[in-house]
N, C-alpha and C. Protein backbone atom coordinates (compact mmCIF):
# COMPACT_ATOMS: atom_id res chain seq x y z
N MET A 1 131.63 -40.96 155.18
CA MET A 1 132.59 -41.42 155.41
C MET A 1 134.04 -40.98 155.63
N PHE A 2 134.16 -40.28 154.58
CA PHE A 2 135.73 -38.99 154.97
C PHE A 2 134.94 -37.80 155.16
N LYS A 3 133.79 -37.78 155.12
CA LYS A 3 134.07 -36.19 155.84
C LYS A 3 134.05 -36.63 157.24
N TYR A 4 132.96 -38.13 157.95
CA TYR A 4 133.45 -37.98 159.46
C TYR A 4 134.98 -37.69 159.73
N ILE A 5 135.40 -38.23 158.94
CA ILE A 5 137.11 -38.62 160.10
C ILE A 5 137.65 -36.87 159.52
N VAL A 6 137.84 -35.63 157.95
CA VAL A 6 137.98 -35.19 157.96
C VAL A 6 137.59 -34.16 158.95
N ALA A 7 136.35 -34.07 159.25
CA ALA A 7 135.97 -33.00 160.49
C ALA A 7 136.08 -33.19 161.53
N GLU A 8 136.84 -35.28 162.19
CA GLU A 8 136.96 -34.89 163.99
C GLU A 8 138.59 -34.60 163.84
N ARG A 9 139.03 -34.70 162.83
CA ARG A 9 141.34 -34.39 162.21
C ARG A 9 141.26 -33.09 161.85
N GLY A 10 139.74 -31.90 161.97
CA GLY A 10 140.09 -30.51 162.15
C GLY A 10 140.90 -30.63 160.55
N ASN A 11 140.95 -31.14 159.01
CA ASN A 11 141.24 -30.56 158.01
C ASN A 11 139.79 -29.92 157.05
N ALA A 12 140.58 -29.60 156.43
CA ALA A 12 140.13 -28.66 155.53
C ALA A 12 138.44 -29.90 155.22
N PRO A 13 137.48 -28.95 154.76
CA PRO A 13 136.47 -29.82 154.31
C PRO A 13 136.65 -30.29 152.94
N GLY A 14 137.64 -29.92 152.14
CA GLY A 14 138.19 -30.18 150.05
C GLY A 14 138.27 -31.10 150.59
N ARG A 15 139.42 -32.03 151.55
CA ARG A 15 140.28 -33.29 151.25
C ARG A 15 139.79 -34.00 151.06
N ALA A 16 138.67 -34.03 151.71
CA ALA A 16 137.38 -35.49 152.67
C ALA A 16 137.21 -36.22 150.43
N TRP A 17 136.82 -35.05 149.76
CA TRP A 17 136.51 -34.89 148.42
C TRP A 17 137.64 -35.98 147.13
N HIS A 18 139.21 -35.62 148.32
CA HIS A 18 140.56 -35.58 147.48
C HIS A 18 140.28 -37.39 147.76
N LEU A 19 140.21 -37.36 149.09
CA LEU A 19 140.69 -39.13 149.50
C LEU A 19 139.38 -39.54 149.25
N SER A 20 138.50 -39.50 148.98
CA SER A 20 137.45 -40.00 148.58
C SER A 20 137.99 -40.64 147.44
N THR A 21 138.47 -39.36 146.48
CA THR A 21 138.99 -39.53 145.18
C THR A 21 140.43 -40.44 144.04
N GLU A 22 140.89 -40.51 145.61
CA GLU A 22 142.29 -41.48 145.88
C GLU A 22 141.83 -42.82 146.39
N TYR A 23 140.37 -43.29 147.16
CA TYR A 23 140.75 -44.14 147.82
C TYR A 23 138.94 -45.27 146.13
N PHE A 24 138.37 -44.43 146.03
CA PHE A 24 138.07 -45.03 145.27
C PHE A 24 138.68 -45.39 143.21
N GLY A 25 139.05 -44.14 143.54
CA GLY A 25 139.69 -44.06 141.83
C GLY A 25 138.85 -42.96 141.35
N GLN A 26 137.76 -42.34 142.01
CA GLN A 26 136.78 -41.45 140.89
C GLN A 26 136.33 -40.42 141.39
N LYS A 27 135.29 -40.28 140.84
CA LYS A 27 135.05 -38.88 141.54
C LYS A 27 133.58 -39.31 142.72
N PRO A 28 133.78 -38.50 143.51
CA PRO A 28 132.23 -39.59 144.93
C PRO A 28 131.06 -39.33 144.71
N PRO A 29 129.67 -39.78 145.50
CA PRO A 29 128.68 -39.44 144.74
C PRO A 29 128.72 -38.13 145.33
N ASN A 30 127.41 -37.06 145.06
CA ASN A 30 127.10 -35.81 145.25
C ASN A 30 126.43 -36.40 146.50
N SER A 31 126.16 -37.77 146.71
CA SER A 31 124.51 -37.85 147.67
C SER A 31 125.60 -38.07 149.41
N GLU A 32 126.80 -38.28 149.44
CA GLU A 32 127.95 -38.34 151.02
C GLU A 32 127.74 -36.68 150.57
N TYR A 33 128.17 -35.82 149.62
CA TYR A 33 128.59 -35.03 150.29
C TYR A 33 127.66 -33.53 150.86
N ASN A 34 126.29 -33.85 150.11
CA ASN A 34 125.01 -33.25 150.22
C ASN A 34 124.67 -33.53 151.54
N ASN A 35 124.68 -34.50 152.00
CA ASN A 35 124.74 -34.96 153.46
C ASN A 35 125.26 -34.09 154.64
N PRO A 36 123.81 -33.96 155.65
CA PRO A 36 124.71 -32.84 156.19
C PRO A 36 125.49 -33.94 157.40
N GLN A 37 124.93 -35.06 157.30
CA GLN A 37 125.40 -35.41 159.28
C GLN A 37 126.32 -36.88 158.59
N PRO A 38 127.30 -36.69 157.73
CA PRO A 38 128.08 -37.49 157.80
C PRO A 38 128.36 -38.71 158.46
N THR A 39 128.05 -40.83 157.51
CA THR A 39 128.89 -41.53 158.45
C THR A 39 130.07 -41.73 158.64
N PRO A 40 130.00 -42.78 160.11
CA PRO A 40 131.17 -42.98 160.27
C PRO A 40 131.41 -43.70 159.01
N PRO A 41 133.11 -44.26 159.33
CA PRO A 41 133.27 -45.08 158.85
C PRO A 41 133.61 -45.78 159.10
N SER A 42 133.68 -47.21 157.80
CA SER A 42 134.26 -48.81 158.64
C SER A 42 135.44 -48.70 158.94
N ILE A 43 136.14 -49.62 159.68
CA ILE A 43 136.82 -50.47 160.13
C ILE A 43 138.79 -49.94 158.90
N GLU A 44 137.78 -50.42 157.24
CA GLU A 44 138.71 -50.88 156.38
C GLU A 44 139.55 -49.84 155.80
N ILE A 45 137.75 -48.29 156.07
CA ILE A 45 138.34 -46.91 155.75
C ILE A 45 139.72 -46.05 156.88
N GLN A 46 138.98 -46.59 157.86
CA GLN A 46 139.93 -45.67 159.21
C GLN A 46 141.20 -46.07 158.50
N ARG A 47 141.80 -48.28 158.76
CA ARG A 47 142.87 -47.49 158.07
C ARG A 47 143.56 -47.72 157.92
N TRP A 48 142.90 -47.62 156.05
CA TRP A 48 143.53 -46.91 154.68
C TRP A 48 143.95 -44.86 155.40
N GLU A 49 143.32 -44.26 155.32
CA GLU A 49 142.91 -43.36 155.62
C GLU A 49 144.48 -43.13 156.77
N LYS A 50 144.70 -43.93 157.99
CA LYS A 50 145.76 -43.70 158.61
C LYS A 50 147.43 -44.06 158.16
N SER A 51 147.30 -44.80 156.69
CA SER A 51 148.19 -45.66 156.82
C SER A 51 148.76 -44.44 154.64
N ARG A 52 148.05 -43.92 154.47
CA ARG A 52 147.83 -42.73 154.14
C ARG A 52 148.75 -41.25 154.67
N ARG A 53 148.38 -40.79 156.12
CA ARG A 53 148.98 -40.12 157.04
C ARG A 53 150.41 -40.78 157.28
N ILE A 54 150.52 -41.79 157.60
CA ILE A 54 151.78 -42.38 157.42
C ILE A 54 152.69 -42.03 157.37
N ALA A 55 152.11 -42.76 155.35
CA ALA A 55 153.11 -43.12 153.82
C ALA A 55 153.39 -40.98 153.77
N TRP A 56 152.61 -39.99 154.30
CA TRP A 56 152.71 -38.71 154.06
C TRP A 56 153.79 -38.11 154.76
N ALA A 57 153.77 -38.85 156.15
CA ALA A 57 154.77 -38.39 157.14
C ALA A 57 155.54 -38.82 156.65
N LYS A 58 156.38 -39.69 156.02
CA LYS A 58 157.96 -40.48 155.71
C LYS A 58 158.05 -40.76 154.82
N ALA A 59 157.17 -39.63 154.03
CA ALA A 59 157.23 -39.66 152.09
C ALA A 59 159.07 -38.85 152.13
N ASP A 60 159.82 -38.92 151.37
CA ASP A 60 161.11 -37.77 151.18
C ASP A 60 160.68 -36.61 151.51
N ARG A 61 160.20 -35.39 150.83
CA ARG A 61 160.30 -34.53 150.53
C ARG A 61 161.66 -32.91 150.29
N PRO A 62 161.49 -32.64 149.83
CA PRO A 62 162.84 -31.66 149.68
C PRO A 62 162.28 -30.28 150.31
N VAL A 63 163.13 -30.04 151.66
CA VAL A 63 163.68 -29.53 152.10
C VAL A 63 163.96 -27.69 151.63
N ILE A 64 163.26 -27.37 151.34
CA ILE A 64 162.99 -25.86 151.11
C ILE A 64 163.68 -24.72 151.87
N LYS A 65 164.20 -23.79 151.46
CA LYS A 65 165.39 -23.56 151.76
C LYS A 65 165.09 -21.80 153.07
N SER A 66 164.29 -21.62 152.77
CA SER A 66 163.21 -20.72 153.71
C SER A 66 163.56 -21.05 155.21
N ASP A 67 163.11 -23.05 155.06
CA ASP A 67 162.43 -23.43 156.80
C ASP A 67 163.98 -23.12 157.50
N LEU A 68 164.79 -23.40 156.83
CA LEU A 68 166.14 -23.73 157.47
C LEU A 68 166.62 -22.42 157.73
N VAL A 69 166.51 -21.94 159.43
CA VAL A 69 167.08 -20.66 159.42
C VAL A 69 168.79 -20.91 160.36
N ILE A 70 169.16 -20.06 159.42
CA ILE A 70 171.12 -20.09 159.44
C ILE A 70 172.06 -19.02 160.64
N GLY A 71 171.95 -19.57 161.03
CA GLY A 71 173.05 -18.50 162.20
C GLY A 71 172.28 -18.01 163.20
N SER A 72 171.41 -18.43 164.05
CA SER A 72 170.24 -17.77 164.46
C SER A 72 170.57 -19.05 165.77
N SER A 73 169.89 -18.72 166.96
CA SER A 73 169.98 -19.16 167.94
C SER A 73 168.49 -19.25 168.54
N ALA A 74 167.67 -20.45 168.75
CA ALA A 74 166.50 -20.64 169.03
C ALA A 74 166.34 -19.29 170.63
N VAL A 75 165.88 -18.49 171.42
CA VAL A 75 165.23 -17.88 172.66
C VAL A 75 163.79 -18.68 172.33
N GLY A 76 163.22 -19.23 173.84
CA GLY A 76 162.42 -19.69 173.70
C GLY A 76 161.24 -20.53 172.24
N SER A 77 160.47 -19.69 171.88
CA SER A 77 159.67 -19.66 171.06
C SER A 77 160.23 -18.38 169.19
N PHE A 78 161.16 -18.12 169.60
CA PHE A 78 162.05 -16.54 169.17
C PHE A 78 163.14 -17.19 168.54
N TYR A 79 164.05 -16.65 167.04
CA TYR A 79 164.67 -16.81 166.90
C TYR A 79 165.74 -15.57 167.44
N ILE A 80 166.73 -15.49 167.54
CA ILE A 80 167.27 -14.08 167.35
C ILE A 80 168.14 -14.09 166.68
N ASN A 81 168.18 -13.25 166.13
CA ASN A 81 170.06 -13.75 164.66
C ASN A 81 171.32 -12.20 165.62
N PRO A 82 172.15 -13.27 165.71
CA PRO A 82 173.39 -11.92 166.79
C PRO A 82 173.74 -11.08 165.20
N ASN A 83 173.57 -11.42 164.07
CA ASN A 83 174.44 -10.31 163.41
C ASN A 83 172.98 -8.58 162.80
N ASN A 84 171.93 -9.32 163.91
CA ASN A 84 170.56 -7.68 163.40
C ASN A 84 170.10 -7.45 165.31
N PRO A 85 170.72 -6.11 165.03
CA PRO A 85 170.57 -5.60 166.34
C PRO A 85 169.05 -5.02 166.31
N GLU A 86 168.15 -5.44 166.03
CA GLU A 86 166.81 -5.29 165.76
C GLU A 86 166.43 -6.78 167.14
N ASP A 87 167.18 -7.76 167.02
CA ASP A 87 166.89 -8.74 167.90
C ASP A 87 167.16 -9.03 169.60
N ILE A 88 166.97 -8.08 170.04
CA ILE A 88 167.17 -8.13 171.47
C ILE A 88 166.52 -8.62 172.25
N PRO A 89 167.15 -10.67 172.84
CA PRO A 89 166.16 -10.85 173.53
C PRO A 89 165.41 -9.59 175.09
N PHE A 90 164.31 -10.61 175.17
CA PHE A 90 163.82 -9.78 176.73
C PHE A 90 165.42 -10.07 178.06
């Protein structure tokens, strides 16, 4: 079930184990992870997984200072720092 969702979304395969553990509250059975063809999830599991993605997106996570760029301007997909002479736009 969760392997199907993870493969469909392009996430790392280990995410399926964590989703299954969170949903059922215990380690998943090995038969689910040894099966080469994952089974499609039920509507209930699809909705639960979607709610987890929404909750993650809305979570109040701290901002890391390295994520902020101070004193620079965006040019295309590059950041130009006016204090650095090597950052010259083309």
